[in-house]
């Protein structure tokens, strides 16, 4: 799991992205959908409501890893437990190649 504040490139993209959140759950087409990550463009940061949702398999490269300490380690343990007990009404979000078309 990549830490918050990490800088990544998505597959097919040339725009750096900064991880803002892990495990965001949103509503799409009347279903609860969970993605692995939410990010914003780097170095702009969060501009308006421009947030990008994607999964681990959509990441091409990690450029910089964000801060990690014992709280992060504990969070990751709790997060894995939460995933095992996830509500059956929540489905994994899917990302299309159009969603990842982030050119600088």
PDB file of N, CA and C in Angstrom:
ATOM      1  N   UNK A   1       0.849  -1.176   0.000  1.00  0.00           N
ATOM      2  CA  UNK A   1       0.000   0.000   0.000  1.00  0.00           C
ATOM      3  C   UNK A   1       0.891   1.235   0.000  1.00  0.00           C
ATOM      4  N   UNK A   2       0.582   2.167  -0.845  1.00  0.00           N
ATOM      5  CA  UNK A   2       1.380   3.389  -0.972  1.00  0.00           C
ATOM      6  C   UNK A   2       0.887   4.413   0.055  1.00  0.00           C
ATOM      7  N   UNK A   3       1.829   5.113   0.665  1.00  0.00           N
ATOM      8  CA  UNK A   3       1.476   6.074   1.712  1.00  0.00           C
ATOM      9  C   UNK A   3       0.934   7.384   1.133  1.00  0.00           C
ATOM     10  N   UNK A   4       0.144   8.058   1.955  1.00  0.00           N
ATOM     11  CA  UNK A   4      -0.374   9.374   1.599  1.00  0.00           C
ATOM     12  C   UNK A   4       0.812  10.314   1.395  1.00  0.00           C
ATOM     13  N   UNK A   5       0.691  11.167   0.389  1.00  0.00           N
ATOM     14  CA  UNK A   5       1.768  12.107   0.067  1.00  0.00           C
ATOM     15  C   UNK A   5       2.733  11.569  -0.970  1.00  0.00           C
ATOM     16  N   UNK A   6       2.598  10.282  -1.315  1.00  0.00           N
ATOM     17  CA  UNK A   6       3.469   9.706  -2.340  1.00  0.00           C
ATOM     18  C   UNK A   6       3.141  10.311  -3.705  1.00  0.00           C
ATOM     19  N   UNK A   7       4.164  10.397  -4.551  1.00  0.00           N
ATOM     20  CA  UNK A   7       4.010  10.925  -5.900  1.00  0.00           C
ATOM     21  C   UNK A   7       4.164   9.754  -6.867  1.00  0.00           C
ATOM     22  N   UNK A   8       3.210   9.640  -7.792  1.00  0.00           N
ATOM     23  CA  UNK A   8       3.196   8.501  -8.711  1.00  0.00           C
ATOM     24  C   UNK A   8       2.890   8.969 -10.137  1.00  0.00           C
ATOM     25  N   UNK A   9       3.140   8.075 -11.083  1.00  0.00           N
ATOM     26  CA  UNK A   9       2.637   8.211 -12.442  1.00  0.00           C
ATOM     27  C   UNK A   9       1.641   7.080 -12.655  1.00  0.00           C
ATOM     28  N   UNK A  10       0.544   7.387 -13.309  1.00  0.00           N
ATOM     29  CA  UNK A  10      -0.407   6.367 -13.702  1.00  0.00           C
ATOM     30  C   UNK A  10      -0.011   5.809 -15.061  1.00  0.00           C
ATOM     31  N   UNK A  11      -0.395   4.593 -15.347  1.00  0.00           N
ATOM     32  CA  UNK A  11      -0.100   3.983 -16.646  1.00  0.00           C
ATOM     33  C   UNK A  11      -0.669   4.851 -17.765  1.00  0.00           C
ATOM     34  N   UNK A  12       0.155   5.143 -18.749  1.00  0.00           N
ATOM     35  CA  UNK A  12      -0.278   5.939 -19.887  1.00  0.00           C
ATOM     36  C   UNK A  12      -0.321   7.431 -19.626  1.00  0.00           C
ATOM     37  N   UNK A  13       0.042   7.857 -18.431  1.00  0.00           N
ATOM     38  CA  UNK A  13      -0.018   9.276 -18.088  1.00  0.00           C
ATOM     39  C   UNK A  13       1.355   9.918 -18.031  1.00  0.00           C
ATOM     40  N   UNK A  14       1.379  11.227 -18.202  1.00  0.00           N
ATOM     41  CA  UNK A  14       2.634  11.967 -18.072  1.00  0.00           C
ATOM     42  C   UNK A  14       2.535  13.025 -16.978  1.00  0.00           C
ATOM     43  N   UNK A  15       1.427  13.028 -16.260  1.00  0.00           N
ATOM     44  CA  UNK A  15       1.187  13.976 -15.175  1.00  0.00           C
ATOM     45  C   UNK A  15       1.471  13.294 -13.845  1.00  0.00           C
ATOM     46  N   UNK A  16       2.334  13.882 -13.028  1.00  0.00           N
ATOM     47  CA  UNK A  16       2.556  13.328 -11.691  1.00  0.00           C
ATOM     48  C   UNK A  16       1.292  13.520 -10.863  1.00  0.00           C
ATOM     49  N   UNK A  17       1.026  12.536  -9.992  1.00  0.00           N
ATOM     50  CA  UNK A  17      -0.141  12.564  -9.121  1.00  0.00           C
ATOM     51  C   UNK A  17       0.317  12.375  -7.688  1.00  0.00           C
ATOM     52  N   UNK A  18      -0.386  13.011  -6.740  1.00  0.00           N
ATOM     53  CA  UNK A  18      -0.071  12.867  -5.322  1.00  0.00           C
ATOM     54  C   UNK A  18      -1.219  12.139  -4.632  1.00  0.00           C
ATOM     55  N   UNK A  19      -0.876  11.060  -3.924  1.00  0.00           N
ATOM     56  CA  UNK A  19      -1.878  10.264  -3.213  1.00  0.00           C
ATOM     57  C   UNK A  19      -2.465  11.096  -2.071  1.00  0.00           C
ATOM     58  N   UNK A  20      -3.788  11.206  -2.065  1.00  0.00           N
ATOM     59  CA  UNK A  20      -4.508  11.955  -1.031  1.00  0.00           C
ATOM     60  C   UNK A  20      -5.214  11.040  -0.035  1.00  0.00           C
ATOM     61  N   UNK A  21      -5.630   9.867  -0.520  1.00  0.00           N
ATOM     62  CA  UNK A  21      -6.526   9.039   0.273  1.00  0.00           C
ATOM     63  C   UNK A  21      -6.382   7.588  -0.164  1.00  0.00           C
ATOM     64  N   UNK A  22      -6.689   6.679   0.749  1.00  0.00           N
ATOM     65  CA  UNK A  22      -6.690   5.257   0.424  1.00  0.00           C
ATOM     66  C   UNK A  22      -8.032   4.673   0.805  1.00  0.00           C
ATOM     67  N   UNK A  23      -8.549   3.855  -0.088  1.00  0.00           N
ATOM     68  CA  UNK A  23      -9.824   3.200   0.164  1.00  0.00           C
ATOM     69  C   UNK A  23     -11.042   4.095   0.096  1.00  0.00           C
ATOM     70  N   UNK A  24     -11.036   5.120  -0.779  1.00  0.00           N
ATOM     71  CA  UNK A  24     -12.233   5.964  -0.840  1.00  0.00           C
ATOM     72  C   UNK A  24     -13.437   5.175  -1.358  1.00  0.00           C
ATOM     73  N   UNK A  25     -14.573   5.436  -0.754  1.00  0.00           N
ATOM     74  CA  UNK A  25     -15.821   4.801  -1.169  1.00  0.00           C
ATOM     75  C   UNK A  25     -16.735   5.904  -1.682  1.00  0.00           C
ATOM     76  N   UNK A  26     -17.216   5.730  -2.916  1.00  0.00           N
ATOM     77  CA  UNK A  26     -18.122   6.713  -3.498  1.00  0.00           C
ATOM     78  C   UNK A  26     -19.367   6.024  -4.011  1.00  0.00           C
ATOM     79  N   UNK A  27     -20.306   6.807  -4.419  1.00  0.00           N
ATOM     80  CA  UNK A  27     -21.513   6.244  -4.999  1.00  0.00           C
ATOM     81  C   UNK A  27     -21.469   6.509  -6.489  1.00  0.00           C
ATOM     82  N   UNK A  28     -21.604   5.442  -7.290  1.00  0.00           N
ATOM     83  CA  UNK A  28     -21.654   5.535  -8.738  1.00  0.00           C
ATOM     84  C   UNK A  28     -22.814   4.682  -9.215  1.00  0.00           C
ATOM     85  N   UNK A  29     -23.700   5.289  -9.973  1.00  0.00           N
ATOM     86  CA  UNK A  29     -24.847   4.570 -10.520  1.00  0.00           C
ATOM     87  C   UNK A  29     -25.596   3.791  -9.434  1.00  0.00           C
ATOM     88  N   UNK A  30     -25.833   4.460  -8.317  1.00  0.00           N
ATOM     89  CA  UNK A  30     -26.579   3.902  -7.186  1.00  0.00           C
ATOM     90  C   UNK A  30     -25.908   2.701  -6.533  1.00  0.00           C
ATOM     91  N   UNK A  31     -24.586   2.572  -6.687  1.00  0.00           N
ATOM     92  CA  UNK A  31     -23.824   1.513  -6.027  1.00  0.00           C
ATOM     93  C   UNK A  31     -22.676   2.142  -5.257  1.00  0.00           C
ATOM     94  N   UNK A  32     -22.333   1.516  -4.126  1.00  0.00           N
ATOM     95  CA  UNK A  32     -21.145   1.934  -3.390  1.00  0.00           C
ATOM     96  C   UNK A  32     -19.941   1.280  -4.046  1.00  0.00           C
ATOM     97  N   UNK A  33     -18.963   2.117  -4.412  1.00  0.00           N
ATOM     98  CA  UNK A  33     -17.785   1.655  -5.135  1.00  0.00           C
ATOM     99  C   UNK A  33     -16.544   2.087  -4.371  1.00  0.00           C
ATOM    100  N   UNK A  34     -15.591   1.162  -4.231  1.00  0.00           N
ATOM    101  CA  UNK A  34     -14.354   1.467  -3.510  1.00  0.00           C
ATOM    102  C   UNK A  34     -13.162   1.363  -4.462  1.00  0.00           C
ATOM    103  N   UNK A  35     -12.292   2.354  -4.391  1.00  0.00           N
ATOM    104  CA  UNK A  35     -11.046   2.360  -5.142  1.00  0.00           C
ATOM    105  C   UNK A  35      -9.896   2.219  -4.152  1.00  0.00           C
ATOM    106  N   UNK A  36      -8.730   1.862  -4.651  1.00  0.00           N
ATOM    107  CA  UNK A  36      -7.561   1.763  -3.779  1.00  0.00           C
ATOM    108  C   UNK A  36      -7.060   3.142  -3.355  1.00  0.00           C
ATOM    109  N   UNK A  37      -7.135   4.114  -4.286  1.00  0.00           N
ATOM    110  CA  UNK A  37      -6.543   5.436  -4.024  1.00  0.00           C
ATOM    111  C   UNK A  37      -7.364   6.561  -4.619  1.00  0.00           C
ATOM    112  N   UNK A  38      -7.149   7.742  -4.045  1.00  0.00           N
ATOM    113  CA  UNK A  38      -7.607   9.004  -4.621  1.00  0.00           C
ATOM    114  C   UNK A  38      -6.376   9.907  -4.675  1.00  0.00           C
ATOM    115  N   UNK A  39      -6.276  10.699  -5.739  1.00  0.00           N
ATOM    116  CA  UNK A  39      -5.098  11.553  -5.902  1.00  0.00           C
ATOM    117  C   UNK A  39      -5.476  12.860  -6.579  1.00  0.00           C
ATOM    118  N   UNK A  40      -4.548  13.796  -6.508  1.00  0.00           N
ATOM    119  CA  UNK A  40      -4.671  15.064  -7.219  1.00  0.00           C
ATOM    120  C   UNK A  40      -3.417  15.241  -8.071  1.00  0.00           C
ATOM    121  N   UNK A  41      -3.473  16.199  -8.981  1.00  0.00           N
ATOM    122  CA  UNK A  41      -2.315  16.483  -9.828  1.00  0.00           C
ATOM    123  C   UNK A  41      -1.218  17.133  -8.983  1.00  0.00           C
ATOM    124  N   UNK A  42       0.010  16.749  -9.279  1.00  0.00           N
ATOM    125  CA  UNK A  42       1.164  17.338  -8.614  1.00  0.00           C
ATOM    126  C   UNK A  42       1.913  18.173  -9.636  1.00  0.00           C
ATOM    127  N   UNK A  43       2.323  19.386  -9.348  1.00  0.00           N
ATOM    128  CA  UNK A  43       2.419  20.042  -8.052  1.00  0.00           C
ATOM    129  C   UNK A  43       1.243  20.945  -7.711  1.00  0.00           C
ATOM    130  N   UNK A  44       0.171  20.888  -8.500  1.00  0.00           N
ATOM    131  CA  UNK A  44      -0.961  21.787  -8.274  1.00  0.00           C
ATOM    132  C   UNK A  44      -1.674  21.553  -6.961  1.00  0.00           C
ATOM    133  N   UNK A  45      -1.785  20.289  -6.561  1.00  0.00           N
ATOM    134  CA  UNK A  45      -2.571  19.966  -5.379  1.00  0.00           C
ATOM    135  C   UNK A  45      -4.039  19.884  -5.729  1.00  0.00           C
ATOM    136  N   UNK A  46      -4.873  19.877  -4.725  1.00  0.00           N
ATOM    137  CA  UNK A  46      -6.313  19.751  -4.918  1.00  0.00           C
ATOM    138  C   UNK A  46      -6.881  21.067  -5.428  1.00  0.00           C
ATOM    139  N   UNK A  47      -7.411  21.037  -6.642  1.00  0.00           N
ATOM    140  CA  UNK A  47      -7.995  22.221  -7.269  1.00  0.00           C
ATOM    141  C   UNK A  47      -9.477  21.936  -7.492  1.00  0.00           C
ATOM    142  N   UNK A  48     -10.311  22.700  -6.830  1.00  0.00           N
ATOM    143  CA  UNK A  48     -11.747  22.472  -6.954  1.00  0.00           C
ATOM    144  C   UNK A  48     -12.102  21.066  -6.514  1.00  0.00           C
ATOM    145  N   UNK A  49     -12.825  20.370  -7.359  1.00  0.00           N
ATOM    146  CA  UNK A  49     -13.233  19.001  -7.048  1.00  0.00           C
ATOM    147  C   UNK A  49     -12.518  17.999  -7.939  1.00  0.00           C
ATOM    148  N   UNK A  50     -11.343  18.363  -8.448  1.00  0.00           N
ATOM    149  CA  UNK A  50     -10.607  17.499  -9.370  1.00  0.00           C
ATOM    150  C   UNK A  50      -9.818  16.436  -8.607  1.00  0.00           C
ATOM    151  N   UNK A  51     -10.491  15.318  -8.365  1.00  0.00           N
ATOM    152  CA  UNK A  51      -9.895  14.180  -7.666  1.00  0.00           C
ATOM    153  C   UNK A  51      -9.957  12.987  -8.610  1.00  0.00           C
ATOM    154  N   UNK A  52      -8.884  12.224  -8.645  1.00  0.00           N
ATOM    155  CA  UNK A  52      -8.781  11.074  -9.534  1.00  0.00           C
ATOM    156  C   UNK A  52      -8.769   9.798  -8.693  1.00  0.00           C
ATOM    157  N   UNK A  53      -9.589   8.839  -9.075  1.00  0.00           N
ATOM    158  CA  UNK A  53      -9.713   7.583  -8.345  1.00  0.00           C
ATOM    159  C   UNK A  53      -9.139   6.457  -9.205  1.00  0.00           C
ATOM    160  N   UNK A  54      -8.375   5.561  -8.586  1.00  0.00           N
ATOM    161  CA  UNK A  54      -7.743   4.481  -9.339  1.00  0.00           C
ATOM    162  C   UNK A  54      -7.321   3.379  -8.378  1.00  0.00           C
ATOM    163  N   UNK A  55      -6.818   2.298  -8.963  1.00  0.00           N
ATOM    164  CA  UNK A  55      -6.410   1.129  -8.190  1.00  0.00           C
ATOM    165  C   UNK A  55      -4.919   0.851  -8.373  1.00  0.00           C
ATOM    166  N   UNK A  56      -4.402  -0.020  -7.561  1.00  0.00           N
ATOM    167  CA  UNK A  56      -2.969  -0.336  -7.566  1.00  0.00           C
ATOM    168  C   UNK A  56      -2.481  -0.710  -8.956  1.00  0.00           C
ATOM    169  N   UNK A  57      -3.259  -1.512  -9.673  1.00  0.00           N
ATOM    170  CA  UNK A  57      -2.815  -1.962 -10.996  1.00  0.00           C
ATOM    171  C   UNK A  57      -2.733  -0.845 -12.029  1.00  0.00           C
ATOM    172  N   UNK A  58      -3.286   0.336 -11.716  1.00  0.00           N
ATOM    173  CA  UNK A  58      -3.231   1.472 -12.622  1.00  0.00           C
ATOM    174  C   UNK A  58      -1.973   2.316 -12.447  1.00  0.00           C
ATOM    175  N   UNK A  59      -1.171   2.007 -11.431  1.00  0.00           N
ATOM    176  CA  UNK A  59       0.037   2.784 -11.149  1.00  0.00           C
ATOM    177  C   UNK A  59       1.196   2.244 -11.979  1.00  0.00           C
ATOM    178  N   UNK A  60       1.867   3.143 -12.692  1.00  0.00           N
ATOM    179  CA  UNK A  60       3.024   2.759 -13.505  1.00  0.00           C
ATOM    180  C   UNK A  60       4.305   2.824 -12.691  1.00  0.00           C
ATOM    181  N   UNK A  61       4.439   3.891 -11.880  1.00  0.00           N
ATOM    182  CA  UNK A  61       5.708   4.091 -11.172  1.00  0.00           C
ATOM    183  C   UNK A  61       5.508   4.990  -9.965  1.00  0.00           C
ATOM    184  N   UNK A  62       6.194   4.665  -8.884  1.00  0.00           N
ATOM    185  CA  UNK A  62       6.224   5.515  -7.692  1.00  0.00           C
ATOM    186  C   UNK A  62       7.497   6.358  -7.785  1.00  0.00           C
ATOM    187  N   UNK A  63       7.330   7.681  -7.793  1.00  0.00           N
ATOM    188  CA  UNK A  63       8.447   8.611  -7.907  1.00  0.00           C
ATOM    189  C   UNK A  63       9.003   8.955  -6.530  1.00  0.00           C
ATOM    190  N   UNK A  64       8.098   9.090  -5.559  1.00  0.00           N
ATOM    191  CA  UNK A  64       8.464   9.493  -4.198  1.00  0.00           C
ATOM    192  C   UNK A  64       7.497   8.836  -3.233  1.00  0.00           C
ATOM    193  N   UNK A  65       8.019   8.266  -2.155  1.00  0.00           N
ATOM    194  CA  UNK A  65       7.154   7.673  -1.140  1.00  0.00           C
ATOM    195  C   UNK A  65       6.932   8.653  -0.001  1.00  0.00           C
ATOM    196  N   UNK A  66       5.673   8.806   0.402  1.00  0.00           N
ATOM    197  CA  UNK A  66       5.306   9.701   1.488  1.00  0.00           C
ATOM    198  C   UNK A  66       5.789   9.190   2.842  1.00  0.00           C
ATOM    199  N   UNK A  67       5.604  10.008   3.831  1.00  0.00           N
ATOM    200  CA  UNK A  67       6.052   9.741   5.197  1.00  0.00           C
ATOM    201  C   UNK A  67       5.413   8.475   5.755  1.00  0.00           C
ATOM    202  N   UNK A  68       6.202   7.717   6.503  1.00  0.00           N
ATOM    203  CA  UNK A  68       5.701   6.519   7.154  1.00  0.00           C
ATOM    204  C   UNK A  68       6.306   6.400   8.547  1.00  0.00           C
ATOM    205  N   UNK A  69       5.496   6.008   9.518  1.00  0.00           N
ATOM    206  CA  UNK A  69       5.964   5.778  10.888  1.00  0.00           C
ATOM    207  C   UNK A  69       5.143   4.636  11.484  1.00  0.00           C
ATOM    208  N   UNK A  70       5.207   4.471  12.787  1.00  0.00           N
ATOM    209  CA  UNK A  70       4.475   3.374  13.421  1.00  0.00           C
ATOM    210  C   UNK A  70       2.962   3.515  13.268  1.00  0.00           C
ATOM    211  N   UNK A  71       2.468   4.751  13.178  1.00  0.00           N
ATOM    212  CA  UNK A  71       1.034   4.951  12.964  1.00  0.00           C
ATOM    213  C   UNK A  71       0.624   4.440  11.583  1.00  0.00           C
ATOM    214  N   UNK A  72       1.476   4.663  10.598  1.00  0.00           N
ATOM    215  CA  UNK A  72       1.208   4.174   9.242  1.00  0.00           C
ATOM    216  C   UNK A  72       1.182   2.644   9.222  1.00  0.00           C
ATOM    217  N   UNK A  73       2.132   2.034   9.881  1.00  0.00           N
ATOM    218  CA  UNK A  73       2.188   0.571   9.936  1.00  0.00           C
ATOM    219  C   UNK A  73       0.912   0.026  10.570  1.00  0.00           C
ATOM    220  N   UNK A  74       0.492   0.622  11.663  1.00  0.00           N
ATOM    221  CA  UNK A  74      -0.746   0.187  12.345  1.00  0.00           C
ATOM    222  C   UNK A  74      -1.963   0.423  11.450  1.00  0.00           C
ATOM    223  N   UNK A  75      -1.995   1.574  10.757  1.00  0.00           N
ATOM    224  CA  UNK A  75      -3.109   1.847   9.848  1.00  0.00           C
ATOM    225  C   UNK A  75      -3.207   0.760   8.782  1.00  0.00           C
ATOM    226  N   UNK A  76      -2.071   0.380   8.210  1.00  0.00           N
ATOM    227  CA  UNK A  76      -2.097  -0.619   7.152  1.00  0.00           C
ATOM    228  C   UNK A  76      -2.610  -1.969   7.670  1.00  0.00           C
ATOM    229  N   UNK A  77      -2.257  -2.321   8.906  1.00  0.00           N
ATOM    230  CA  UNK A  77      -2.778  -3.554   9.506  1.00  0.00           C
ATOM    231  C   UNK A  77      -4.299  -3.474   9.659  1.00  0.00           C
ATOM    232  N   UNK A  78      -4.784  -2.354  10.194  1.00  0.00           N
ATOM    233  CA  UNK A  78      -6.221  -2.168  10.388  1.00  0.00           C
ATOM    234  C   UNK A  78      -6.956  -2.122   9.049  1.00  0.00           C
ATOM    235  N   UNK A  79      -6.337  -1.510   8.064  1.00  0.00           N
ATOM    236  CA  UNK A  79      -6.934  -1.404   6.732  1.00  0.00           C
ATOM    237  C   UNK A  79      -7.125  -2.796   6.126  1.00  0.00           C
ATOM    238  N   UNK A  80      -6.125  -3.660   6.247  1.00  0.00           N
ATOM    239  CA  UNK A  80      -6.232  -5.018   5.717  1.00  0.00           C
ATOM    240  C   UNK A  80      -7.358  -5.784   6.415  1.00  0.00           C
ATOM    241  N   UNK A  81      -7.495  -5.604   7.723  1.00  0.00           N
ATOM    242  CA  UNK A  81      -8.600  -6.230   8.460  1.00  0.00           C
ATOM    243  C   UNK A  81      -9.946  -5.709   7.969  1.00  0.00           C
ATOM    244  N   UNK A  82     -10.014  -4.400   7.726  1.00  0.00           N
ATOM    245  CA  UNK A  82     -11.245  -3.782   7.249  1.00  0.00           C
ATOM    246  C   UNK A  82     -11.627  -4.355   5.879  1.00  0.00           C
ATOM    247  N   UNK A  83     -10.646  -4.559   5.007  1.00  0.00           N
ATOM    248  CA  UNK A  83     -10.929  -5.108   3.682  1.00  0.00           C
ATOM    249  C   UNK A  83     -11.523  -6.510   3.767  1.00  0.00           C
ATOM    250  N   UNK A  84     -11.071  -7.300   4.729  1.00  0.00           N
ATOM    251  CA  UNK A  84     -11.577  -8.657   4.903  1.00  0.00           C
ATOM    252  C   UNK A  84     -13.045  -8.656   5.338  1.00  0.00           C
ATOM    253  N   UNK A  85     -13.454  -7.602   6.030  1.00  0.00           N
ATOM    254  CA  UNK A  85     -14.812  -7.515   6.570  1.00  0.00           C
ATOM    255  C   UNK A  85     -15.667  -6.484   5.839  1.00  0.00           C
ATOM    256  N   UNK A  86     -15.282  -6.160   4.628  1.00  0.00           N
ATOM    257  CA  UNK A  86     -15.980  -5.133   3.856  1.00  0.00           C
ATOM    258  C   UNK A  86     -17.411  -5.553   3.557  1.00  0.00           C
ATOM    259  N   UNK A  87     -18.296  -4.607   3.650  1.00  0.00           N
ATOM    260  CA  UNK A  87     -19.711  -4.812   3.353  1.00  0.00           C
ATOM    261  C   UNK A  87     -19.863  -5.362   1.933  1.00  0.00           C
ATOM    262  N   UNK A  88     -20.689  -6.387   1.768  1.00  0.00           N
ATOM    263  CA  UNK A  88     -20.905  -6.992   0.450  1.00  0.00           C
ATOM    264  C   UNK A  88     -21.563  -6.041  -0.539  1.00  0.00           C
ATOM    265  N   UNK A  89     -22.135  -4.951  -0.050  1.00  0.00           N
ATOM    266  CA  UNK A  89     -22.777  -3.977  -0.935  1.00  0.00           C
ATOM    267  C   UNK A  89     -21.748  -3.072  -1.621  1.00  0.00           C
ATOM    268  N   UNK A  90     -20.506  -3.138  -1.202  1.00  0.00           N
ATOM    269  CA  UNK A  90     -19.460  -2.283  -1.778  1.00  0.00           C
ATOM    270  C   UNK A  90     -18.678  -3.103  -2.798  1.00  0.00           C
ATOM    271  N   UNK A  91     -18.612  -2.589  -4.035  1.00  0.00           N
ATOM    272  CA  UNK A  91     -17.897  -3.286  -5.103  1.00  0.00           C
ATOM    273  C   UNK A  91     -16.604  -2.541  -5.429  1.00  0.00           C
ATOM    274  N   UNK A  92     -15.663  -3.244  -6.003  1.00  0.00           N
ATOM    275  CA  UNK A  92     -14.390  -2.634  -6.395  1.00  0.00           C
ATOM    276  C   UNK A  92     -14.609  -1.762  -7.622  1.00  0.00           C
ATOM    277  N   UNK A  93     -14.087  -0.549  -7.551  1.00  0.00           N
ATOM    278  CA  UNK A  93     -14.204   0.375  -8.665  1.00  0.00           C
ATOM    279  C   UNK A  93     -13.358  -0.059  -9.844  1.00  0.00           C
ATOM    280  N   UNK A  94     -13.843   0.225 -11.034  1.00  0.00           N
ATOM    281  CA  UNK A  94     -13.109  -0.085 -12.243  1.00  0.00           C
ATOM    282  C   UNK A  94     -12.660   1.206 -12.900  1.00  0.00           C
ATOM    283  N   UNK A  95     -11.452   1.167 -13.442  1.00  0.00           N
ATOM    284  CA  UNK A  95     -10.878   2.338 -14.088  1.00  0.00           C
ATOM    285  C   UNK A  95     -10.658   1.993 -15.547  1.00  0.00           C
ATOM    286  N   UNK A  96     -11.152   2.860 -16.446  1.00  0.00           N
ATOM    287  CA  UNK A  96     -10.934   2.655 -17.870  1.00  0.00           C
ATOM    288  C   UNK A  96      -9.695   3.411 -18.317  1.00  0.00           C
ATOM    289  N   UNK A  97      -9.207   3.110 -19.504  1.00  0.00           N
ATOM    290  CA  UNK A  97      -8.025   3.801 -20.011  1.00  0.00           C
ATOM    291  C   UNK A  97      -8.328   5.290 -20.203  1.00  0.00           C
ATOM    292  N   UNK A  98      -9.575   5.653 -20.508  1.00  0.00           N
ATOM    293  CA  UNK A  98      -9.945   7.062 -20.629  1.00  0.00           C
ATOM    294  C   UNK A  98      -9.813   7.788 -19.295  1.00  0.00           C
ATOM    295  N   UNK A  99     -10.125   7.095 -18.211  1.00  0.00           N
ATOM    296  CA  UNK A  99     -10.005   7.690 -16.876  1.00  0.00           C
ATOM    297  C   UNK A  99      -8.548   8.028 -16.556  1.00  0.00           C
ATOM    298  N   UNK A 100      -7.623   7.273 -17.136  1.00  0.00           N
ATOM    299  CA  UNK A 100      -6.201   7.440 -16.836  1.00  0.00           C
ATOM    300  C   UNK A 100      -5.479   8.336 -17.827  1.00  0.00           C
ATOM    301  N   UNK A 101      -6.197   8.912 -18.761  1.00  0.00           N
ATOM    302  CA  UNK A 101      -5.586   9.728 -19.799  1.00  0.00           C
ATOM    303  C   UNK A 101      -5.227  11.106 -19.239  1.00  0.00           C
ATOM    304  N   UNK A 102      -4.176  11.150 -18.425  1.00  0.00           N
ATOM    305  CA  UNK A 102      -3.751  12.388 -17.766  1.00  0.00           C
ATOM    306  C   UNK A 102      -2.450  12.873 -18.380  1.00  0.00           C
ATOM    307  N   UNK A 103      -2.567  13.760 -19.311  1.00  0.00           N
ATOM    308  CA  UNK A 103      -1.383  14.356 -19.934  1.00  0.00           C
ATOM    309  C   UNK A 103      -1.116  15.685 -19.247  1.00  0.00           C
ATOM    310  N   UNK A 104       0.149  16.048 -19.130  1.00  0.00           N
ATOM    311  CA  UNK A 104       0.478  17.307 -18.458  1.00  0.00           C
ATOM    312  C   UNK A 104       0.183  18.511 -19.315  1.00  0.00           C
TER     313      UNK A 104
END
